[in-house]
């Protein structure tokens, strides 16, 4: 689920890790840098993400992540899985038990 949420943010456009953390917090999903950075590295190593360095006027260069074509396909798989799970849970929680 965490991968799906992070990739959903990056899918909207190139993202800097602190922007990802902020968007997650806005959605009431707290994530720590110590969790995010290893996950971004794993997704990059799996060739789902790529990144580019951008010079910063207020400090060191920043790494901005974007999704690769392989990442887009992985995202679609995650989205399908999430939708199936959400539909199943909805069905179980909304329908009264049959006798």
PDB file of N, CA and C in Angstrom:
ATOM      1  N   UNK A   1       0.815  -1.186   0.000  1.00  0.00           N
ATOM      2  CA  UNK A   1       0.000   0.000   0.000  1.00  0.00           C
ATOM      3  C   UNK A   1       0.865   1.259   0.000  1.00  0.00           C
ATOM      4  N   UNK A   2       1.963   1.226   0.751  1.00  0.00           N
ATOM      5  CA  UNK A   2       2.849   2.381   0.816  1.00  0.00           C
ATOM      6  C   UNK A   2       3.464   2.682  -0.556  1.00  0.00           C
ATOM      7  N   UNK A   3       3.903   1.630  -1.244  1.00  0.00           N
ATOM      8  CA  UNK A   3       4.446   1.826  -2.595  1.00  0.00           C
ATOM      9  C   UNK A   3       3.403   2.463  -3.501  1.00  0.00           C
ATOM     10  N   UNK A   4       2.164   1.967  -3.424  1.00  0.00           N
ATOM     11  CA  UNK A   4       1.083   2.485  -4.254  1.00  0.00           C
ATOM     12  C   UNK A   4       0.848   3.967  -3.969  1.00  0.00           C
ATOM     13  N   UNK A   5       0.839   4.351  -2.703  1.00  0.00           N
ATOM     14  CA  UNK A   5       0.637   5.755  -2.334  1.00  0.00           C
ATOM     15  C   UNK A   5       1.776   6.640  -2.854  1.00  0.00           C
ATOM     16  N   UNK A   6       2.994   6.196  -2.669  1.00  0.00           N
ATOM     17  CA  UNK A   6       4.152   6.984  -3.115  1.00  0.00           C
ATOM     18  C   UNK A   6       4.176   7.100  -4.634  1.00  0.00           C
ATOM     19  N   UNK A   7       3.941   5.997  -5.313  1.00  0.00           N
ATOM     20  CA  UNK A   7       3.913   6.035  -6.777  1.00  0.00           C
ATOM     21  C   UNK A   7       2.754   6.886  -7.285  1.00  0.00           C
ATOM     22  N   UNK A   8       1.640   6.917  -6.558  1.00  0.00           N
ATOM     23  CA  UNK A   8       0.509   7.775  -6.948  1.00  0.00           C
ATOM     24  C   UNK A   8       0.917   9.246  -6.929  1.00  0.00           C
ATOM     25  N   UNK A   9       1.716   9.619  -5.955  1.00  0.00           N
ATOM     26  CA  UNK A   9       2.203  10.995  -5.877  1.00  0.00           C
ATOM     27  C   UNK A   9       3.169  11.282  -7.020  1.00  0.00           C
ATOM     28  N   UNK A  10       4.117  10.387  -7.241  1.00  0.00           N
ATOM     29  CA  UNK A  10       5.124  10.597  -8.291  1.00  0.00           C
ATOM     30  C   UNK A  10       4.474  10.559  -9.669  1.00  0.00           C
ATOM     31  N   UNK A  11       3.423   9.779  -9.826  1.00  0.00           N
ATOM     32  CA  UNK A  11       2.712   9.692 -11.105  1.00  0.00           C
ATOM     33  C   UNK A  11       2.144  11.052 -11.513  1.00  0.00           C
ATOM     34  N   UNK A  12       1.810  11.886 -10.531  1.00  0.00           N
ATOM     35  CA  UNK A  12       1.255  13.221 -10.807  1.00  0.00           C
ATOM     36  C   UNK A  12       2.311  14.168 -11.377  1.00  0.00           C
ATOM     37  N   UNK A  13       3.570  13.816 -11.214  1.00  0.00           N
ATOM     38  CA  UNK A  13       4.663  14.648 -11.705  1.00  0.00           C
ATOM     39  C   UNK A  13       5.899  14.453 -10.853  1.00  0.00           C
ATOM     40  N   UNK A  14       7.019  14.856 -11.389  1.00  0.00           N
ATOM     41  CA  UNK A  14       8.299  14.723 -10.708  1.00  0.00           C
ATOM     42  C   UNK A  14       8.182  15.171  -9.252  1.00  0.00           C
ATOM     43  N   UNK A  15       8.802  14.418  -8.348  1.00  0.00           N
ATOM     44  CA  UNK A  15       8.623  14.725  -6.921  1.00  0.00           C
ATOM     45  C   UNK A  15       9.937  14.643  -6.164  1.00  0.00           C
ATOM     46  N   UNK A  16      10.109  15.574  -5.258  1.00  0.00           N
ATOM     47  CA  UNK A  16      11.227  15.628  -4.320  1.00  0.00           C
ATOM     48  C   UNK A  16      10.773  14.920  -3.044  1.00  0.00           C
ATOM     49  N   UNK A  17      11.632  14.142  -2.399  1.00  0.00           N
ATOM     50  CA  UNK A  17      11.197  13.370  -1.226  1.00  0.00           C
ATOM     51  C   UNK A  17      10.436  14.165  -0.162  1.00  0.00           C
ATOM     52  N   UNK A  18      10.866  15.377   0.130  1.00  0.00           N
ATOM     53  CA  UNK A  18      10.131  16.131   1.171  1.00  0.00           C
ATOM     54  C   UNK A  18       8.733  16.503   0.687  1.00  0.00           C
ATOM     55  N   UNK A  19       8.547  16.666  -0.624  1.00  0.00           N
ATOM     56  CA  UNK A  19       7.210  16.917  -1.169  1.00  0.00           C
ATOM     57  C   UNK A  19       6.332  15.679  -0.995  1.00  0.00           C
ATOM     58  N   UNK A  20       6.918  14.494  -1.182  1.00  0.00           N
ATOM     59  CA  UNK A  20       6.183  13.243  -0.999  1.00  0.00           C
ATOM     60  C   UNK A  20       5.728  13.129   0.457  1.00  0.00           C
ATOM     61  N   UNK A  21       6.643  13.400   1.381  1.00  0.00           N
ATOM     62  CA  UNK A  21       6.315  13.339   2.808  1.00  0.00           C
ATOM     63  C   UNK A  21       5.179  14.319   3.128  1.00  0.00           C
ATOM     64  N   UNK A  22       5.247  15.508   2.582  1.00  0.00           N
ATOM     65  CA  UNK A  22       4.223  16.522   2.844  1.00  0.00           C
ATOM     66  C   UNK A  22       2.857  16.081   2.303  1.00  0.00           C
ATOM     67  N   UNK A  23       2.818  15.565   1.099  1.00  0.00           N
ATOM     68  CA  UNK A  23       1.544  15.108   0.522  1.00  0.00           C
ATOM     69  C   UNK A  23       0.978  13.922   1.305  1.00  0.00           C
ATOM     70  N   UNK A  24       1.847  13.055   1.779  1.00  0.00           N
ATOM     71  CA  UNK A  24       1.389  11.929   2.592  1.00  0.00           C
ATOM     72  C   UNK A  24       0.783  12.453   3.899  1.00  0.00           C
ATOM     73  N   UNK A  25       1.433  13.440   4.523  1.00  0.00           N
ATOM     74  CA  UNK A  25       0.923  14.018   5.766  1.00  0.00           C
ATOM     75  C   UNK A  25      -0.426  14.688   5.530  1.00  0.00           C
ATOM     76  N   UNK A  26      -0.586  15.381   4.413  1.00  0.00           N
ATOM     77  CA  UNK A  26      -1.860  16.022   4.077  1.00  0.00           C
ATOM     78  C   UNK A  26      -2.978  14.987   3.980  1.00  0.00           C
ATOM     79  N   UNK A  27      -2.631  13.775   3.566  1.00  0.00           N
ATOM     80  CA  UNK A  27      -3.610  12.685   3.444  1.00  0.00           C
ATOM     81  C   UNK A  27      -3.746  11.904   4.754  1.00  0.00           C
ATOM     82  N   UNK A  28      -3.122  12.406   5.814  1.00  0.00           N
ATOM     83  CA  UNK A  28      -3.145  11.757   7.141  1.00  0.00           C
ATOM     84  C   UNK A  28      -2.402  10.424   7.153  1.00  0.00           C
ATOM     85  N   UNK A  29      -1.383  10.298   6.304  1.00  0.00           N
ATOM     86  CA  UNK A  29      -0.517   9.123   6.268  1.00  0.00           C
ATOM     87  C   UNK A  29       0.906   9.580   6.567  1.00  0.00           C
ATOM     88  N   UNK A  30       1.306   9.459   7.814  1.00  0.00           N
ATOM     89  CA  UNK A  30       2.648   9.897   8.201  1.00  0.00           C
ATOM     90  C   UNK A  30       3.684   8.874   7.755  1.00  0.00           C
ATOM     91  N   UNK A  31       4.752   9.375   7.176  1.00  0.00           N
ATOM     92  CA  UNK A  31       5.864   8.529   6.757  1.00  0.00           C
ATOM     93  C   UNK A  31       7.154   9.254   7.148  1.00  0.00           C
ATOM     94  N   UNK A  32       8.099   8.504   7.647  1.00  0.00           N
ATOM     95  CA  UNK A  32       9.378   9.076   8.055  1.00  0.00           C
ATOM     96  C   UNK A  32      10.384   8.983   6.920  1.00  0.00           C
ATOM     97  N   UNK A  33      11.359   9.885   6.931  1.00  0.00           N
ATOM     98  CA  UNK A  33      12.416   9.843   5.920  1.00  0.00           C
ATOM     99  C   UNK A  33      13.119   8.490   5.929  1.00  0.00           C
ATOM    100  N   UNK A  34      13.298   7.927   7.122  1.00  0.00           N
ATOM    101  CA  UNK A  34      13.970   6.632   7.249  1.00  0.00           C
ATOM    102  C   UNK A  34      13.209   5.494   6.603  1.00  0.00           C
ATOM    103  N   UNK A  35      11.937   5.695   6.352  1.00  0.00           N
ATOM    104  CA  UNK A  35      11.125   4.714   5.620  1.00  0.00           C
ATOM    105  C   UNK A  35      11.090   5.049   4.141  1.00  0.00           C
ATOM    106  N   UNK A  36      10.961   6.326   3.817  1.00  0.00           N
ATOM    107  CA  UNK A  36      10.805   6.754   2.429  1.00  0.00           C
ATOM    108  C   UNK A  36      12.052   6.520   1.581  1.00  0.00           C
ATOM    109  N   UNK A  37      13.213   6.952   2.075  1.00  0.00           N
ATOM    110  CA  UNK A  37      14.418   6.882   1.244  1.00  0.00           C
ATOM    111  C   UNK A  37      14.791   5.460   0.831  1.00  0.00           C
ATOM    112  N   UNK A  38      14.759   4.479   1.738  1.00  0.00           N
ATOM    113  CA  UNK A  38      15.045   3.105   1.287  1.00  0.00           C
ATOM    114  C   UNK A  38      14.019   2.593   0.275  1.00  0.00           C
ATOM    115  N   UNK A  39      12.768   2.990   0.442  1.00  0.00           N
ATOM    116  CA  UNK A  39      11.733   2.570  -0.498  1.00  0.00           C
ATOM    117  C   UNK A  39      11.964   3.191  -1.873  1.00  0.00           C
ATOM    118  N   UNK A  40      12.316   4.471  -1.911  1.00  0.00           N
ATOM    119  CA  UNK A  40      12.623   5.122  -3.188  1.00  0.00           C
ATOM    120  C   UNK A  40      13.820   4.451  -3.857  1.00  0.00           C
ATOM    121  N   UNK A  41      14.827   4.104  -3.076  1.00  0.00           N
ATOM    122  CA  UNK A  41      16.008   3.429  -3.611  1.00  0.00           C
ATOM    123  C   UNK A  41      15.636   2.066  -4.184  1.00  0.00           C
ATOM    124  N   UNK A  42      14.797   1.336  -3.464  1.00  0.00           N
ATOM    125  CA  UNK A  42      14.365   0.013  -3.943  1.00  0.00           C
ATOM    126  C   UNK A  42      13.570   0.143  -5.247  1.00  0.00           C
ATOM    127  N   UNK A  43      12.682   1.125  -5.329  1.00  0.00           N
ATOM    128  CA  UNK A  43      11.896   1.339  -6.542  1.00  0.00           C
ATOM    129  C   UNK A  43      12.787   1.778  -7.707  1.00  0.00           C
ATOM    130  N   UNK A  44      13.810   2.563  -7.400  1.00  0.00           N
ATOM    131  CA  UNK A  44      14.767   2.973  -8.443  1.00  0.00           C
ATOM    132  C   UNK A  44      15.580   1.777  -8.913  1.00  0.00           C
ATOM    133  N   UNK A  45      16.051   0.951  -7.986  1.00  0.00           N
ATOM    134  CA  UNK A  45      16.839  -0.224  -8.350  1.00  0.00           C
ATOM    135  C   UNK A  45      16.031  -1.240  -9.151  1.00  0.00           C
ATOM    136  N   UNK A  46      14.713  -1.253  -8.943  1.00  0.00           N
ATOM    137  CA  UNK A  46      13.823  -2.133  -9.708  1.00  0.00           C
ATOM    138  C   UNK A  46      13.456  -1.509 -11.060  1.00  0.00           C
ATOM    139  N   UNK A  47      14.000  -0.338 -11.327  1.00  0.00           N
ATOM    140  CA  UNK A  47      13.787   0.409 -12.573  1.00  0.00           C
ATOM    141  C   UNK A  47      12.357   0.913 -12.728  1.00  0.00           C
ATOM    142  N   UNK A  48      11.668   1.121 -11.595  1.00  0.00           N
ATOM    143  CA  UNK A  48      10.334   1.705 -11.621  1.00  0.00           C
ATOM    144  C   UNK A  48      10.402   3.230 -11.557  1.00  0.00           C
ATOM    145  N   UNK A  49      11.513   3.739 -11.012  1.00  0.00           N
ATOM    146  CA  UNK A  49      11.728   5.180 -10.888  1.00  0.00           C
ATOM    147  C   UNK A  49      13.071   5.556 -11.492  1.00  0.00           C
ATOM    148  N   UNK A  50      13.148   6.794 -11.901  1.00  0.00           N
ATOM    149  CA  UNK A  50      14.415   7.396 -12.283  1.00  0.00           C
ATOM    150  C   UNK A  50      14.481   8.728 -11.544  1.00  0.00           C
ATOM    151  N   UNK A  51      15.618   9.369 -11.584  1.00  0.00           N
ATOM    152  CA  UNK A  51      15.726  10.656 -10.904  1.00  0.00           C
ATOM    153  C   UNK A  51      16.681  11.564 -11.658  1.00  0.00           C
ATOM    154  N   UNK A  52      16.598  12.828 -11.327  1.00  0.00           N
ATOM    155  CA  UNK A  52      17.551  13.813 -11.856  1.00  0.00           C
ATOM    156  C   UNK A  52      17.900  14.766 -10.726  1.00  0.00           C
ATOM    157  N   UNK A  53      19.126  15.271 -10.800  1.00  0.00           N
ATOM    158  CA  UNK A  53      19.601  16.223  -9.805  1.00  0.00           C
ATOM    159  C   UNK A  53      19.252  17.625 -10.262  1.00  0.00           C
ATOM    160  N   UNK A  54      18.778  18.449  -9.329  1.00  0.00           N
ATOM    161  CA  UNK A  54      18.448  19.842  -9.614  1.00  0.00           C
ATOM    162  C   UNK A  54      19.195  20.698  -8.612  1.00  0.00           C
ATOM    163  N   UNK A  55      19.936  21.681  -9.117  1.00  0.00           N
ATOM    164  CA  UNK A  55      20.659  22.597  -8.240  1.00  0.00           C
ATOM    165  C   UNK A  55      19.683  23.372  -7.372  1.00  0.00           C
ATOM    166  N   UNK A  56      20.089  23.636  -6.135  1.00  0.00           N
ATOM    167  CA  UNK A  56      19.247  24.365  -5.194  1.00  0.00           C
ATOM    168  C   UNK A  56      19.973  25.625  -4.759  1.00  0.00           C
ATOM    169  N   UNK A  57      19.240  26.731  -4.676  1.00  0.00           N
ATOM    170  CA  UNK A  57      19.851  27.988  -4.227  1.00  0.00           C
ATOM    171  C   UNK A  57      20.018  28.006  -2.709  1.00  0.00           C
ATOM    172  N   UNK A  58      19.360  27.069  -2.021  1.00  0.00           N
ATOM    173  CA  UNK A  58      19.405  27.094  -0.553  1.00  0.00           C
ATOM    174  C   UNK A  58      20.101  25.875   0.041  1.00  0.00           C
ATOM    175  N   UNK A  59      20.985  25.246  -0.714  1.00  0.00           N
ATOM    176  CA  UNK A  59      21.678  24.089  -0.163  1.00  0.00           C
ATOM    177  C   UNK A  59      22.176  23.161  -1.253  1.00  0.00           C
ATOM    178  N   UNK A  60      22.371  21.904  -0.903  1.00  0.00           N
ATOM    179  CA  UNK A  60      22.892  20.945  -1.879  1.00  0.00           C
ATOM    180  C   UNK A  60      21.872  20.644  -2.980  1.00  0.00           C
ATOM    181  N   UNK A  61      22.323  20.055  -4.082  1.00  0.00           N
ATOM    182  CA  UNK A  61      21.379  19.692  -5.152  1.00  0.00           C
ATOM    183  C   UNK A  61      20.306  18.740  -4.628  1.00  0.00           C
ATOM    184  N   UNK A  62      19.158  18.770  -5.275  1.00  0.00           N
ATOM    185  CA  UNK A  62      18.030  17.945  -4.872  1.00  0.00           C
ATOM    186  C   UNK A  62      17.770  16.854  -5.908  1.00  0.00           C
ATOM    187  N   UNK A  63      17.354  15.696  -5.423  1.00  0.00           N
ATOM    188  CA  UNK A  63      17.053  14.560  -6.293  1.00  0.00           C
ATOM    189  C   UNK A  63      15.536  14.508  -6.499  1.00  0.00           C
ATOM    190  N   UNK A  64      15.119  14.683  -7.759  1.00  0.00           N
ATOM    191  CA  UNK A  64      13.701  14.618  -8.113  1.00  0.00           C
ATOM    192  C   UNK A  64      13.414  13.309  -8.821  1.00  0.00           C
ATOM    193  N   UNK A  65      12.383  12.595  -8.344  1.00  0.00           N
ATOM    194  CA  UNK A  65      12.037  11.281  -8.869  1.00  0.00           C
ATOM    195  C   UNK A  65      10.885  11.370  -9.859  1.00  0.00           C
ATOM    196  N   UNK A  66      10.937  10.507 -10.869  1.00  0.00           N
ATOM    197  CA  UNK A  66       9.833  10.370 -11.818  1.00  0.00           C
ATOM    198  C   UNK A  66       9.689   8.895 -12.169  1.00  0.00           C
ATOM    199  N   UNK A  67       8.537   8.542 -12.719  1.00  0.00           N
ATOM    200  CA  UNK A  67       8.243   7.150 -13.019  1.00  0.00           C
ATOM    201  C   UNK A  67       8.739   6.777 -14.416  1.00  0.00           C
ATOM    202  N   UNK A  68       9.241   5.562 -14.530  1.00  0.00           N
ATOM    203  CA  UNK A  68       9.661   5.024 -15.824  1.00  0.00           C
ATOM    204  C   UNK A  68       8.471   4.297 -16.454  1.00  0.00           C
ATOM    205  N   UNK A  69       8.626   3.853 -17.690  1.00  0.00           N
ATOM    206  CA  UNK A  69       7.579   3.055 -18.335  1.00  0.00           C
ATOM    207  C   UNK A  69       7.329   1.769 -17.543  1.00  0.00           C
ATOM    208  N   UNK A  70       8.402   1.153 -17.075  1.00  0.00           N
ATOM    209  CA  UNK A  70       8.274  -0.052 -16.255  1.00  0.00           C
ATOM    210  C   UNK A  70       7.525   0.273 -14.960  1.00  0.00           C
ATOM    211  N   UNK A  71       7.786   1.443 -14.403  1.00  0.00           N
ATOM    212  CA  UNK A  71       7.088   1.885 -13.198  1.00  0.00           C
ATOM    213  C   UNK A  71       5.608   2.123 -13.454  1.00  0.00           C
ATOM    214  N   UNK A  72       5.284   2.651 -14.628  1.00  0.00           N
ATOM    215  CA  UNK A  72       3.875   2.857 -15.003  1.00  0.00           C
ATOM    216  C   UNK A  72       3.134   1.527 -15.034  1.00  0.00           C
ATOM    217  N   UNK A  73       3.768   0.495 -15.604  1.00  0.00           N
ATOM    218  CA  UNK A  73       3.148  -0.832 -15.670  1.00  0.00           C
ATOM    219  C   UNK A  73       2.970  -1.406 -14.261  1.00  0.00           C
ATOM    220  N   UNK A  74       3.994  -1.240 -13.408  1.00  0.00           N
ATOM    221  CA  UNK A  74       3.920  -1.711 -12.025  1.00  0.00           C
ATOM    222  C   UNK A  74       2.805  -0.983 -11.281  1.00  0.00           C
ATOM    223  N   UNK A  75       2.691   0.314 -11.520  1.00  0.00           N
ATOM    224  CA  UNK A  75       1.642   1.111 -10.895  1.00  0.00           C
ATOM    225  C   UNK A  75       0.266   0.576 -11.284  1.00  0.00           C
ATOM    226  N   UNK A  76       0.071   0.270 -12.559  1.00  0.00           N
ATOM    227  CA  UNK A  76      -1.205  -0.278 -13.029  1.00  0.00           C
ATOM    228  C   UNK A  76      -1.547  -1.568 -12.291  1.00  0.00           C
ATOM    229  N   UNK A  77      -0.539  -2.435 -12.109  1.00  0.00           N
ATOM    230  CA  UNK A  77      -0.758  -3.684 -11.370  1.00  0.00           C
ATOM    231  C   UNK A  77      -1.182  -3.392  -9.927  1.00  0.00           C
ATOM    232  N   UNK A  78      -0.489  -2.463  -9.287  1.00  0.00           N
ATOM    233  CA  UNK A  78      -0.839  -2.095  -7.912  1.00  0.00           C
ATOM    234  C   UNK A  78      -2.243  -1.503  -7.843  1.00  0.00           C
ATOM    235  N   UNK A  79      -2.579  -0.676  -8.820  1.00  0.00           N
ATOM    236  CA  UNK A  79      -3.899  -0.051  -8.857  1.00  0.00           C
ATOM    237  C   UNK A  79      -4.996  -1.104  -9.006  1.00  0.00           C
ATOM    238  N   UNK A  80      -4.791  -2.073  -9.891  1.00  0.00           N
ATOM    239  CA  UNK A  80      -5.766  -3.149 -10.071  1.00  0.00           C
ATOM    240  C   UNK A  80      -5.929  -3.958  -8.785  1.00  0.00           C
ATOM    241  N   UNK A  81      -4.814  -4.286  -8.143  1.00  0.00           N
ATOM    242  CA  UNK A  81      -4.861  -5.036  -6.892  1.00  0.00           C
ATOM    243  C   UNK A  81      -5.600  -4.248  -5.815  1.00  0.00           C
ATOM    244  N   UNK A  82      -5.299  -2.949  -5.716  1.00  0.00           N
ATOM    245  CA  UNK A  82      -5.967  -2.115  -4.727  1.00  0.00           C
ATOM    246  C   UNK A  82      -7.466  -2.066  -4.988  1.00  0.00           C
ATOM    247  N   UNK A  83      -7.862  -1.877  -6.237  1.00  0.00           N
ATOM    248  CA  UNK A  83      -9.288  -1.800  -6.563  1.00  0.00           C
ATOM    249  C   UNK A  83     -10.007  -3.104  -6.235  1.00  0.00           C
ATOM    250  N   UNK A  84      -9.382  -4.224  -6.524  1.00  0.00           N
ATOM    251  CA  UNK A  84      -9.977  -5.522  -6.183  1.00  0.00           C
ATOM    252  C   UNK A  84     -10.155  -5.656  -4.674  1.00  0.00           C
ATOM    253  N   UNK A  85      -9.124  -5.278  -3.920  1.00  0.00           N
ATOM    254  CA  UNK A  85      -9.190  -5.353  -2.466  1.00  0.00           C
ATOM    255  C   UNK A  85     -10.258  -4.412  -1.915  1.00  0.00           C
ATOM    256  N   UNK A  86     -10.281  -3.173  -2.402  1.00  0.00           N
ATOM    257  CA  UNK A  86     -11.262  -2.194  -1.922  1.00  0.00           C
ATOM    258  C   UNK A  86     -12.682  -2.662  -2.231  1.00  0.00           C
ATOM    259  N   UNK A  87     -12.902  -3.226  -3.411  1.00  0.00           N
ATOM    260  CA  UNK A  87     -14.233  -3.725  -3.764  1.00  0.00           C
ATOM    261  C   UNK A  87     -14.633  -4.893  -2.863  1.00  0.00           C
ATOM    262  N   UNK A  88     -13.705  -5.788  -2.595  1.00  0.00           N
ATOM    263  CA  UNK A  88     -13.992  -6.939  -1.732  1.00  0.00           C
ATOM    264  C   UNK A  88     -14.340  -6.484  -0.326  1.00  0.00           C
ATOM    265  N   UNK A  89     -13.562  -5.553   0.220  1.00  0.00           N
ATOM    266  CA  UNK A  89     -13.830  -5.049   1.571  1.00  0.00           C
ATOM    267  C   UNK A  89     -15.171  -4.328   1.597  1.00  0.00           C
ATOM    268  N   UNK A  90     -15.432  -3.529   0.581  1.00  0.00           N
ATOM    269  CA  UNK A  90     -16.712  -2.819   0.515  1.00  0.00           C
ATOM    270  C   UNK A  90     -17.872  -3.814   0.495  1.00  0.00           C
ATOM    271  N   UNK A  91     -17.738  -4.850  -0.304  1.00  0.00           N
ATOM    272  CA  UNK A  91     -18.796  -5.859  -0.385  1.00  0.00           C
ATOM    273  C   UNK A  91     -19.009  -6.529   0.972  1.00  0.00           C
ATOM    274  N   UNK A  92     -17.934  -6.863   1.646  1.00  0.00           N
ATOM    275  CA  UNK A  92     -18.055  -7.529   2.940  1.00  0.00           C
ATOM    276  C   UNK A  92     -18.613  -6.628   4.034  1.00  0.00           C
ATOM    277  N   UNK A  93     -18.314  -5.358   3.970  1.00  0.00           N
ATOM    278  CA  UNK A  93     -18.735  -4.454   5.036  1.00  0.00           C
ATOM    279  C   UNK A  93     -20.092  -3.809   4.774  1.00  0.00           C
ATOM    280  N   UNK A  94     -20.566  -3.811   3.537  1.00  0.00           N
ATOM    281  CA  UNK A  94     -21.818  -3.156   3.212  1.00  0.00           C
ATOM    282  C   UNK A  94     -22.997  -4.101   3.079  1.00  0.00           C
ATOM    283  N   UNK A  95     -22.756  -5.360   2.787  1.00  0.00           N
ATOM    284  CA  UNK A  95     -23.847  -6.319   2.611  1.00  0.00           C
ATOM    285  C   UNK A  95     -24.123  -7.046   3.916  1.00  0.00           C
ATOM    286  N   UNK A  96     -25.390  -7.095   4.305  1.00  0.00           N
ATOM    287  CA  UNK A  96     -25.703  -7.855   5.522  1.00  0.00           C
ATOM    288  C   UNK A  96     -25.473  -9.345   5.271  1.00  0.00           C
ATOM    289  N   UNK A  97     -25.121 -10.072   6.306  1.00  0.00           N
ATOM    290  CA  UNK A  97     -24.883 -11.505   6.121  1.00  0.00           C
ATOM    291  C   UNK A  97     -26.183 -12.209   5.720  1.00  0.00           C
ATOM    292  N   UNK A  98     -26.062 -13.172   4.822  1.00  0.00           N
ATOM    293  CA  UNK A  98     -27.251 -13.921   4.414  1.00  0.00           C
ATOM    294  C   UNK A  98     -27.449 -15.111   5.354  1.00  0.00           C
ATOM    295  N   UNK A  99     -28.709 -15.463   5.539  1.00  0.00           N
ATOM    296  CA  UNK A  99     -29.021 -16.562   6.461  1.00  0.00           C
ATOM    297  C   UNK A  99     -29.387 -17.792   5.689  1.00  0.00           C
TER     298      UNK A  99
END
